[in-house]
Amino acid sequence: MTASEPQPAAPPKPSTKLLIASTLAWLAGLLGFLVVVAVGIPQIALHGGLPLLIALDGLLAIALCVAGYLLRKRRKAGGILAAGVFGLSGVSHLLSHTLMTVGFGLTLITLLLVLSAWKELE
């Protein structure tokens, strides 16, 4: 018989706050991407190009999905990315004269949850 090797300890599971923040980040990212597609295709058809703010919103939507993945893995980079997306999203909404959207609200809630669980992130 061989001596059993110790099994590596499983990484601790993220808290409920981080799981909710990760899910909301994914939801906001997917919602933002669908909006970009729904608005971007007619803009390209009418004007032959994609406006800068719509392209920026598409990049922010992808960044939110990445942040959601990183938050699920308990990485500080996910929290930093979510905070950066929130800031850029706020500037984008100010420039386009839209005060509040569902995606921006979900990003705000995600940011608040991440800040409340910041000590758990590695």
C-alpha atoms as a PDB file:
ATOM      1  CA  MET A   1       0.000   0.000   0.000  1.00  0.00           C
ATOM      2  CA  THR A   2       1.169   3.481  -0.684  1.00  0.00           C
ATOM      3  CA  ALA A   3       0.776   6.331   1.699  1.00  0.00           C
ATOM      4  CA  SER A   4      -2.072   8.560   0.709  1.00  0.00           C
ATOM      5  CA  GLU A   5      -0.991  11.972  -0.394  1.00  0.00           C
ATOM      6  CA  PRO A   6      -2.715  14.888   1.291  1.00  0.00           C
ATOM      7  CA  GLN A   7      -5.333  16.429  -0.916  1.00  0.00           C
ATOM      8  CA  PRO A   8      -5.010  20.156  -1.506  1.00  0.00           C
ATOM      9  CA  ALA A   9      -7.629  22.150   0.322  1.00  0.00           C
ATOM     10  CA  ALA A  10     -10.435  23.430  -1.835  1.00  0.00           C
ATOM     11  CA  PRO A  11     -10.432  27.196  -2.195  1.00  0.00           C
ATOM     12  CA  PRO A  12     -13.011  28.891   0.004  1.00  0.00           C
ATOM     13  CA  LYS A  13     -16.280  29.648  -1.703  1.00  0.00           C
ATOM     14  CA  PRO A  14     -17.186  33.276  -2.315  1.00  0.00           C
ATOM     15  CA  SER A  15     -19.684  34.845   0.029  1.00  0.00           C
ATOM     16  CA  THR A  16     -23.268  35.475  -0.965  1.00  0.00           C
ATOM     17  CA  LYS A  17     -22.437  39.157  -1.558  1.00  0.00           C
ATOM     18  CA  LEU A  18     -19.739  38.257  -4.070  1.00  0.00           C
ATOM     19  CA  LEU A  19     -21.949  35.686  -5.774  1.00  0.00           C
ATOM     20  CA  ILE A  20     -24.718  38.257  -6.173  1.00  0.00           C
ATOM     21  CA  ALA A  21     -22.225  40.902  -7.347  1.00  0.00           C
ATOM     22  CA  SER A  22     -20.791  38.471  -9.893  1.00  0.00           C
ATOM     23  CA  THR A  23     -24.232  37.527 -11.177  1.00  0.00           C
ATOM     24  CA  LEU A  24     -25.306  41.171 -11.430  1.00  0.00           C
ATOM     25  CA  ALA A  25     -22.099  42.064 -13.265  1.00  0.00           C
ATOM     26  CA  TRP A  26     -22.772  39.297 -15.784  1.00  0.00           C
ATOM     27  CA  LEU A  27     -26.404  40.370 -16.127  1.00  0.00           C
ATOM     28  CA  ALA A  28     -25.488  44.032 -16.640  1.00  0.00           C
ATOM     29  CA  GLY A  29     -22.787  43.062 -19.139  1.00  0.00           C
ATOM     30  CA  LEU A  30     -25.099  40.865 -21.188  1.00  0.00           C
ATOM     31  CA  LEU A  31     -27.885  43.440 -21.059  1.00  0.00           C
ATOM     32  CA  GLY A  32     -25.466  46.169 -22.134  1.00  0.00           C
ATOM     33  CA  PHE A  33     -24.176  44.066 -25.004  1.00  0.00           C
ATOM     34  CA  LEU A  34     -27.718  43.349 -26.228  1.00  0.00           C
ATOM     35  CA  VAL A  35     -28.527  47.065 -26.113  1.00  0.00           C
ATOM     36  CA  VAL A  36     -25.380  47.862 -28.087  1.00  0.00           C
ATOM     37  CA  VAL A  37     -26.362  45.325 -30.735  1.00  0.00           C
ATOM     38  CA  ALA A  38     -29.974  46.584 -30.858  1.00  0.00           C
ATOM     39  CA  VAL A  39     -28.905  50.223 -31.164  1.00  0.00           C
ATOM     40  CA  GLY A  40     -25.666  49.705 -33.070  1.00  0.00           C
ATOM     41  CA  ILE A  41     -27.027  47.784 -36.051  1.00  0.00           C
ATOM     42  CA  PRO A  42     -29.527  50.517 -37.035  1.00  0.00           C
ATOM     43  CA  GLN A  43     -26.837  53.183 -36.501  1.00  0.00           C
ATOM     44  CA  ILE A  44     -24.476  51.354 -38.841  1.00  0.00           C
ATOM     45  CA  ALA A  45     -27.271  50.877 -41.400  1.00  0.00           C
ATOM     46  CA  LEU A  46     -28.300  54.548 -41.317  1.00  0.00           C
ATOM     47  CA  HIS A  47     -24.965  56.309 -40.988  1.00  0.00           C
ATOM     48  CA  GLY A  48     -22.422  53.734 -42.115  1.00  0.00           C
ATOM     49  CA  GLY A  49     -20.475  53.869 -38.858  1.00  0.00           C
ATOM     50  CA  LEU A  50     -20.731  53.118 -35.184  1.00  0.00           C
ATOM     51  CA  PRO A  51     -20.864  56.134 -32.855  1.00  0.00           C
ATOM     52  CA  LEU A  52     -18.082  56.287 -30.275  1.00  0.00           C
ATOM     53  CA  LEU A  53     -20.372  56.129 -27.234  1.00  0.00           C
ATOM     54  CA  ILE A  54     -22.092  52.994 -28.499  1.00  0.00           C
ATOM     55  CA  ALA A  55     -18.725  51.340 -29.139  1.00  0.00           C
ATOM     56  CA  LEU A  56     -17.587  52.397 -25.646  1.00  0.00           C
ATOM     57  CA  ASP A  57     -20.725  50.881 -24.118  1.00  0.00           C
ATOM     58  CA  GLY A  58     -19.970  47.612 -25.925  1.00  0.00           C
ATOM     59  CA  LEU A  59     -16.461  47.515 -24.479  1.00  0.00           C
ATOM     60  CA  LEU A  60     -17.821  48.312 -21.022  1.00  0.00           C
ATOM     61  CA  ALA A  61     -20.346  45.479 -21.351  1.00  0.00           C
ATOM     62  CA  ILE A  62     -17.571  43.016 -22.152  1.00  0.00           C
ATOM     63  CA  ALA A  63     -15.501  44.399 -19.262  1.00  0.00           C
ATOM     64  CA  LEU A  64     -18.434  43.830 -16.886  1.00  0.00           C
ATOM     65  CA  CYS A  65     -18.635  40.184 -17.930  1.00  0.00           C
ATOM     66  CA  VAL A  66     -14.901  39.809 -17.267  1.00  0.00           C
ATOM     67  CA  ALA A  67     -15.351  41.546 -13.892  1.00  0.00           C
ATOM     68  CA  GLY A  68     -18.155  39.122 -13.050  1.00  0.00           C
ATOM     69  CA  TYR A  69     -15.903  36.166 -13.824  1.00  0.00           C
ATOM     70  CA  LEU A  70     -13.069  37.594 -11.720  1.00  0.00           C
ATOM     71  CA  LEU A  71     -15.409  38.349  -8.826  1.00  0.00           C
ATOM     72  CA  ARG A  72     -16.630  34.755  -8.887  1.00  0.00           C
ATOM     73  CA  LYS A  73     -12.972  33.718  -8.567  1.00  0.00           C
ATOM     74  CA  ARG A  74     -12.544  36.199  -5.646  1.00  0.00           C
ATOM     75  CA  ARG A  75      -9.973  38.373  -7.427  1.00  0.00           C
ATOM     76  CA  LYS A  76      -9.358  42.031  -6.545  1.00  0.00           C
ATOM     77  CA  ALA A  77      -8.894  42.736 -10.244  1.00  0.00           C
ATOM     78  CA  GLY A  78     -12.616  42.027 -10.666  1.00  0.00           C
ATOM     79  CA  GLY A  79     -13.489  44.647  -8.050  1.00  0.00           C
ATOM     80  CA  ILE A  80     -11.136  47.183  -9.600  1.00  0.00           C
ATOM     81  CA  LEU A  81     -12.518  46.465 -13.064  1.00  0.00           C
ATOM     82  CA  ALA A  82     -16.105  46.814 -11.812  1.00  0.00           C
ATOM     83  CA  ALA A  83     -15.230  50.179 -10.230  1.00  0.00           C
ATOM     84  CA  GLY A  84     -13.568  51.366 -13.439  1.00  0.00           C
ATOM     85  CA  VAL A  85     -16.547  50.295 -15.532  1.00  0.00           C
ATOM     86  CA  PHE A  86     -18.858  52.125 -13.137  1.00  0.00           C
ATOM     87  CA  GLY A  87     -16.846  55.344 -13.518  1.00  0.00           C
ATOM     88  CA  LEU A  88     -16.584  55.134 -17.301  1.00  0.00           C
ATOM     89  CA  SER A  89     -20.230  54.148 -17.574  1.00  0.00           C
ATOM     90  CA  GLY A  90     -21.206  57.210 -15.528  1.00  0.00           C
ATOM     91  CA  VAL A  91     -19.191  59.481 -17.809  1.00  0.00           C
ATOM     92  CA  SER A  92     -20.726  57.808 -20.860  1.00  0.00           C
ATOM     93  CA  HIS A  93     -24.245  58.368 -19.511  1.00  0.00           C
ATOM     94  CA  LEU A  94     -23.494  62.004 -18.731  1.00  0.00           C
ATOM     95  CA  LEU A  95     -22.184  62.552 -22.261  1.00  0.00           C
ATOM     96  CA  SER A  96     -25.247  60.919 -23.816  1.00  0.00           C
ATOM     97  CA  HIS A  97     -27.642  62.820 -21.494  1.00  0.00           C
ATOM     98  CA  THR A  98     -29.183  59.686 -19.982  1.00  0.00           C
ATOM     99  CA  LEU A  99     -29.384  59.910 -16.235  1.00  0.00           C
ATOM    100  CA  MET A 100     -30.171  56.335 -15.292  1.00  0.00           C
ATOM    101  CA  THR A 101     -30.457  53.045 -17.114  1.00  0.00           C
ATOM    102  CA  VAL A 102     -30.988  49.518 -15.852  1.00  0.00           C
ATOM    103  CA  GLY A 103     -27.404  48.563 -16.701  1.00  0.00           C
ATOM    104  CA  PHE A 104     -26.013  51.543 -14.806  1.00  0.00           C
ATOM    105  CA  GLY A 105     -28.196  50.710 -11.806  1.00  0.00           C
ATOM    106  CA  LEU A 106     -27.050  47.077 -11.836  1.00  0.00           C
ATOM    107  CA  THR A 107     -23.434  48.242 -12.063  1.00  0.00           C
ATOM    108  CA  LEU A 108     -23.967  50.552  -9.082  1.00  0.00           C
ATOM    109  CA  ILE A 109     -25.442  47.728  -6.998  1.00  0.00           C
ATOM    110  CA  THR A 110     -22.545  45.465  -8.064  1.00  0.00           C
ATOM    111  CA  LEU A 111     -20.032  48.093  -6.996  1.00  0.00           C
ATOM    112  CA  LEU A 112     -21.688  48.544  -3.596  1.00  0.00           C
ATOM    113  CA  LEU A 113     -21.678  44.777  -3.007  1.00  0.00           C
ATOM    114  CA  VAL A 114     -18.028  44.517  -4.044  1.00  0.00           C
ATOM    115  CA  LEU A 115     -17.052  47.337  -1.698  1.00  0.00           C
ATOM    116  CA  SER A 116     -18.893  45.703   1.186  1.00  0.00           C
ATOM    117  CA  ALA A 117     -17.065  42.390   0.576  1.00  0.00           C
ATOM    118  CA  TRP A 118     -13.662  43.860  -0.395  1.00  0.00           C
ATOM    119  CA  LYS A 119     -11.792  42.033   2.410  1.00  0.00           C
ATOM    120  CA  GLU A 120     -12.693  38.663   0.873  1.00  0.00           C
ATOM    121  CA  LEU A 121     -11.000  39.409  -2.438  1.00  0.00           C
ATOM    122  CA  GLU A 122      -7.503  38.096  -3.050  1.00  0.00           C
END
